[in-house]
Amino acid sequence: MDEEAGYKWLRGVIRGEMARQQITYKELLERLNRIGVEDTENNLRNKIGRGKFSAMLFMQCLEVLGVDHIRISMLEDTGFGHEKPMKRLARKWGPPSEALGEIIEEEVEEMDKRDRKSKT
């Protein structure tokens, strides 16, 4: 996987979960503030938008969003680093960051369904 693909994946993980929960950057920042992360809404938006932020911020975002696991194999599933699968994804879902958001949302929905079934 090349570096840019990694940034897109990181961005997609955070944005996908924000979209799933319908969380704005302002709300994400408020949650981060509660655990001691100090930043501005614009800085947070820029960091996530670029996909370039520390591993600590990534983990803190996952924590405040309530994410308890992510599937690393999604990198291979999306074809990052391989031109042909990326072109297929772009045609089907748009730019990679949008595609990842869709994939993440679908995966989370499937996990939620499995969780609901196991509780009944």
C-alpha atoms as a PDB file:
ATOM      1  CA  MET A   1       0.000   0.000   0.000  1.00  0.00           C
ATOM      2  CA  ASP A   2       1.332   3.413  -0.825  1.00  0.00           C
ATOM      3  CA  GLU A   3       1.339   6.302   1.619  1.00  0.00           C
ATOM      4  CA  GLU A   4      -1.536   8.205   0.015  1.00  0.00           C
ATOM      5  CA  ALA A   5      -3.745   5.112   0.128  1.00  0.00           C
ATOM      6  CA  GLY A   6      -3.034   4.836   3.846  1.00  0.00           C
ATOM      7  CA  TYR A   7      -4.088   8.438   4.428  1.00  0.00           C
ATOM      8  CA  LYS A   8      -7.299   7.819   2.498  1.00  0.00           C
ATOM      9  CA  TRP A   9      -7.997   4.714   4.552  1.00  0.00           C
ATOM     10  CA  LEU A  10      -7.476   6.564   7.854  1.00  0.00           C
ATOM     11  CA  ARG A  11      -9.691   9.406   6.683  1.00  0.00           C
ATOM     12  CA  GLY A  12     -12.319   6.916   5.543  1.00  0.00           C
ATOM     13  CA  VAL A  13     -12.393   5.094   8.874  1.00  0.00           C
ATOM     14  CA  ILE A  14     -13.054   8.279  10.861  1.00  0.00           C
ATOM     15  CA  ARG A  15     -15.414   9.876   8.345  1.00  0.00           C
ATOM     16  CA  GLY A  16     -17.294   6.629   7.839  1.00  0.00           C
ATOM     17  CA  GLU A  17     -17.967   6.262  11.543  1.00  0.00           C
ATOM     18  CA  MET A  18     -18.908   9.932  11.834  1.00  0.00           C
ATOM     19  CA  ALA A  19     -21.367   9.494   8.969  1.00  0.00           C
ATOM     20  CA  ARG A  20     -22.799   6.323  10.477  1.00  0.00           C
ATOM     21  CA  GLN A  21     -23.465   8.121  13.752  1.00  0.00           C
ATOM     22  CA  GLN A  22     -24.338  11.425  12.061  1.00  0.00           C
ATOM     23  CA  ILE A  23     -21.644  13.195  14.088  1.00  0.00           C
ATOM     24  CA  THR A  24     -20.343  16.597  13.004  1.00  0.00           C
ATOM     25  CA  TYR A  25     -16.763  17.769  13.451  1.00  0.00           C
ATOM     26  CA  LYS A  26     -18.003  20.090  16.185  1.00  0.00           C
ATOM     27  CA  GLU A  27     -19.568  17.162  18.053  1.00  0.00           C
ATOM     28  CA  LEU A  28     -16.455  15.036  17.547  1.00  0.00           C
ATOM     29  CA  LEU A  29     -14.319  17.849  18.943  1.00  0.00           C
ATOM     30  CA  GLU A  30     -16.616  18.212  21.971  1.00  0.00           C
ATOM     31  CA  ARG A  31     -16.204  14.505  22.685  1.00  0.00           C
ATOM     32  CA  LEU A  32     -12.438  14.768  22.256  1.00  0.00           C
ATOM     33  CA  ASN A  33     -12.343  17.781  24.595  1.00  0.00           C
ATOM     34  CA  ARG A  34     -14.009  15.654  27.294  1.00  0.00           C
ATOM     35  CA  ILE A  35     -11.041  13.270  27.272  1.00  0.00           C
ATOM     36  CA  GLY A  36      -8.497  16.088  27.300  1.00  0.00           C
ATOM     37  CA  VAL A  37      -7.774  16.582  23.599  1.00  0.00           C
ATOM     38  CA  GLU A  38      -7.420  20.274  22.845  1.00  0.00           C
ATOM     39  CA  ASP A  39      -7.755  21.429  19.254  1.00  0.00           C
ATOM     40  CA  THR A  40      -9.938  23.640  17.116  1.00  0.00           C
ATOM     41  CA  GLU A  41     -12.735  22.488  14.858  1.00  0.00           C
ATOM     42  CA  ASN A  42     -10.888  23.749  11.759  1.00  0.00           C
ATOM     43  CA  ASN A  43      -7.646  21.990  12.725  1.00  0.00           C
ATOM     44  CA  LEU A  44      -9.500  18.743  13.390  1.00  0.00           C
ATOM     45  CA  ARG A  45     -11.377  18.998  10.095  1.00  0.00           C
ATOM     46  CA  ASN A  46      -8.102  19.626   8.219  1.00  0.00           C
ATOM     47  CA  LYS A  47      -6.240  16.778   9.922  1.00  0.00           C
ATOM     48  CA  ILE A  48      -8.987  14.277   9.228  1.00  0.00           C
ATOM     49  CA  GLY A  49      -9.529  15.654   5.727  1.00  0.00           C
ATOM     50  CA  ARG A  50      -5.875  15.055   4.874  1.00  0.00           C
ATOM     51  CA  GLY A  51      -5.760  11.758   6.738  1.00  0.00           C
ATOM     52  CA  LYS A  52      -2.512  12.951   8.295  1.00  0.00           C
ATOM     53  CA  PHE A  53      -2.697  12.809  12.062  1.00  0.00           C
ATOM     54  CA  SER A  54      -1.022  10.969  14.896  1.00  0.00           C
ATOM     55  CA  ALA A  55      -1.820   7.405  15.817  1.00  0.00           C
ATOM     56  CA  MET A  56      -2.852   8.764  19.219  1.00  0.00           C
ATOM     57  CA  LEU A  57      -5.452  11.086  17.681  1.00  0.00           C
ATOM     58  CA  PHE A  58      -6.727   8.194  15.558  1.00  0.00           C
ATOM     59  CA  MET A  59      -7.175   6.036  18.670  1.00  0.00           C
ATOM     60  CA  GLN A  60      -8.771   8.908  20.591  1.00  0.00           C
ATOM     61  CA  CYS A  61     -11.260   9.483  17.770  1.00  0.00           C
ATOM     62  CA  LEU A  62     -12.103   5.783  17.710  1.00  0.00           C
ATOM     63  CA  GLU A  63     -12.537   5.837  21.483  1.00  0.00           C
ATOM     64  CA  VAL A  64     -14.915   8.808  21.576  1.00  0.00           C
ATOM     65  CA  LEU A  65     -16.850   7.401  18.625  1.00  0.00           C
ATOM     66  CA  GLY A  66     -17.272   4.141  20.528  1.00  0.00           C
ATOM     67  CA  VAL A  67     -15.466   2.015  17.946  1.00  0.00           C
ATOM     68  CA  ASP A  68     -14.181  -1.127  19.599  1.00  0.00           C
ATOM     69  CA  HIS A  69     -12.699  -2.815  16.524  1.00  0.00           C
ATOM     70  CA  ILE A  70     -11.843  -2.172  12.893  1.00  0.00           C
ATOM     71  CA  ARG A  71     -11.083  -4.645  10.152  1.00  0.00           C
ATOM     72  CA  ILE A  72      -7.574  -4.023   8.843  1.00  0.00           C
ATOM     73  CA  SER A  73      -8.156  -6.429   5.955  1.00  0.00           C
ATOM     74  CA  MET A  74     -10.412  -3.759   4.424  1.00  0.00           C
ATOM     75  CA  LEU A  75      -7.216  -2.348   2.940  1.00  0.00           C
ATOM     76  CA  GLU A  76      -6.876  -5.437   0.773  1.00  0.00           C
ATOM     77  CA  ASP A  77     -10.613  -5.624   0.089  1.00  0.00           C
ATOM     78  CA  THR A  78     -10.573  -2.149  -1.428  1.00  0.00           C
ATOM     79  CA  GLY A  79      -7.608  -2.873  -3.680  1.00  0.00           C
ATOM     80  CA  PHE A  80      -5.400  -0.092  -2.354  1.00  0.00           C
ATOM     81  CA  GLY A  81      -2.110  -0.097  -4.144  1.00  0.00           C
ATOM     82  CA  HIS A  82      -3.620  -1.738  -7.228  1.00  0.00           C
ATOM     83  CA  GLU A  83      -4.781   0.533 -10.020  1.00  0.00           C
ATOM     84  CA  LYS A  84      -7.513  -1.634 -11.575  1.00  0.00           C
ATOM     85  CA  PRO A  85      -9.530  -2.329  -8.385  1.00  0.00           C
ATOM     86  CA  MET A  86      -9.276   1.360  -7.465  1.00  0.00           C
ATOM     87  CA  LYS A  87     -10.724   2.360 -10.834  1.00  0.00           C
ATOM     88  CA  ARG A  88     -13.587  -0.107 -10.347  1.00  0.00           C
ATOM     89  CA  LEU A  89     -14.266   1.344  -6.912  1.00  0.00           C
ATOM     90  CA  ALA A  90     -14.176   4.895  -8.243  1.00  0.00           C
ATOM     91  CA  ARG A  91     -16.696   4.031 -10.957  1.00  0.00           C
ATOM     92  CA  LYS A  92     -18.969   2.284  -8.484  1.00  0.00           C
ATOM     93  CA  TRP A  93     -18.755   4.576  -5.446  1.00  0.00           C
ATOM     94  CA  GLY A  94     -16.831   7.714  -6.357  1.00  0.00           C
ATOM     95  CA  PRO A  95     -13.484   8.807  -4.894  1.00  0.00           C
ATOM     96  CA  PRO A  96     -11.708   6.364  -2.548  1.00  0.00           C
ATOM     97  CA  SER A  97     -12.575   8.231   0.649  1.00  0.00           C
ATOM     98  CA  GLU A  98     -16.274   7.993  -0.202  1.00  0.00           C
ATOM     99  CA  ALA A  99     -15.872   4.345  -1.159  1.00  0.00           C
ATOM    100  CA  LEU A 100     -14.253   3.561   2.166  1.00  0.00           C
ATOM    101  CA  GLY A 101     -17.021   5.333   4.024  1.00  0.00           C
ATOM    102  CA  GLU A 102     -19.550   3.139   2.215  1.00  0.00           C
ATOM    103  CA  ILE A 103     -17.575  -0.032   2.893  1.00  0.00           C
ATOM    104  CA  ILE A 104     -17.173   0.860   6.546  1.00  0.00           C
ATOM    105  CA  GLU A 105     -20.857   1.693   6.900  1.00  0.00           C
ATOM    106  CA  GLU A 106     -21.832  -1.628   5.311  1.00  0.00           C
ATOM    107  CA  GLU A 107     -19.432  -3.514   7.561  1.00  0.00           C
ATOM    108  CA  VAL A 108     -20.721  -1.750  10.677  1.00  0.00           C
ATOM    109  CA  GLU A 109     -24.329  -2.468   9.683  1.00  0.00           C
ATOM    110  CA  GLU A 110     -23.489  -6.149   9.264  1.00  0.00           C
ATOM    111  CA  MET A 111     -21.799  -6.235  12.668  1.00  0.00           C
ATOM    112  CA  ASP A 112     -24.801  -4.497  14.251  1.00  0.00           C
ATOM    113  CA  LYS A 113     -27.139  -7.066  12.678  1.00  0.00           C
ATOM    114  CA  ARG A 114     -25.018  -9.934  14.000  1.00  0.00           C
ATOM    115  CA  ASP A 115     -24.948  -8.334  17.461  1.00  0.00           C
ATOM    116  CA  ARG A 116     -28.729  -7.916  17.490  1.00  0.00           C
ATOM    117  CA  LYS A 117     -29.231 -11.535  16.395  1.00  0.00           C
ATOM    118  CA  SER A 118     -26.895 -12.842  19.081  1.00  0.00           C
ATOM    119  CA  LYS A 119     -28.767 -10.897  21.777  1.00  0.00           C
ATOM    120  CA  THR A 120     -32.148 -12.405  20.858  1.00  0.00           C
END
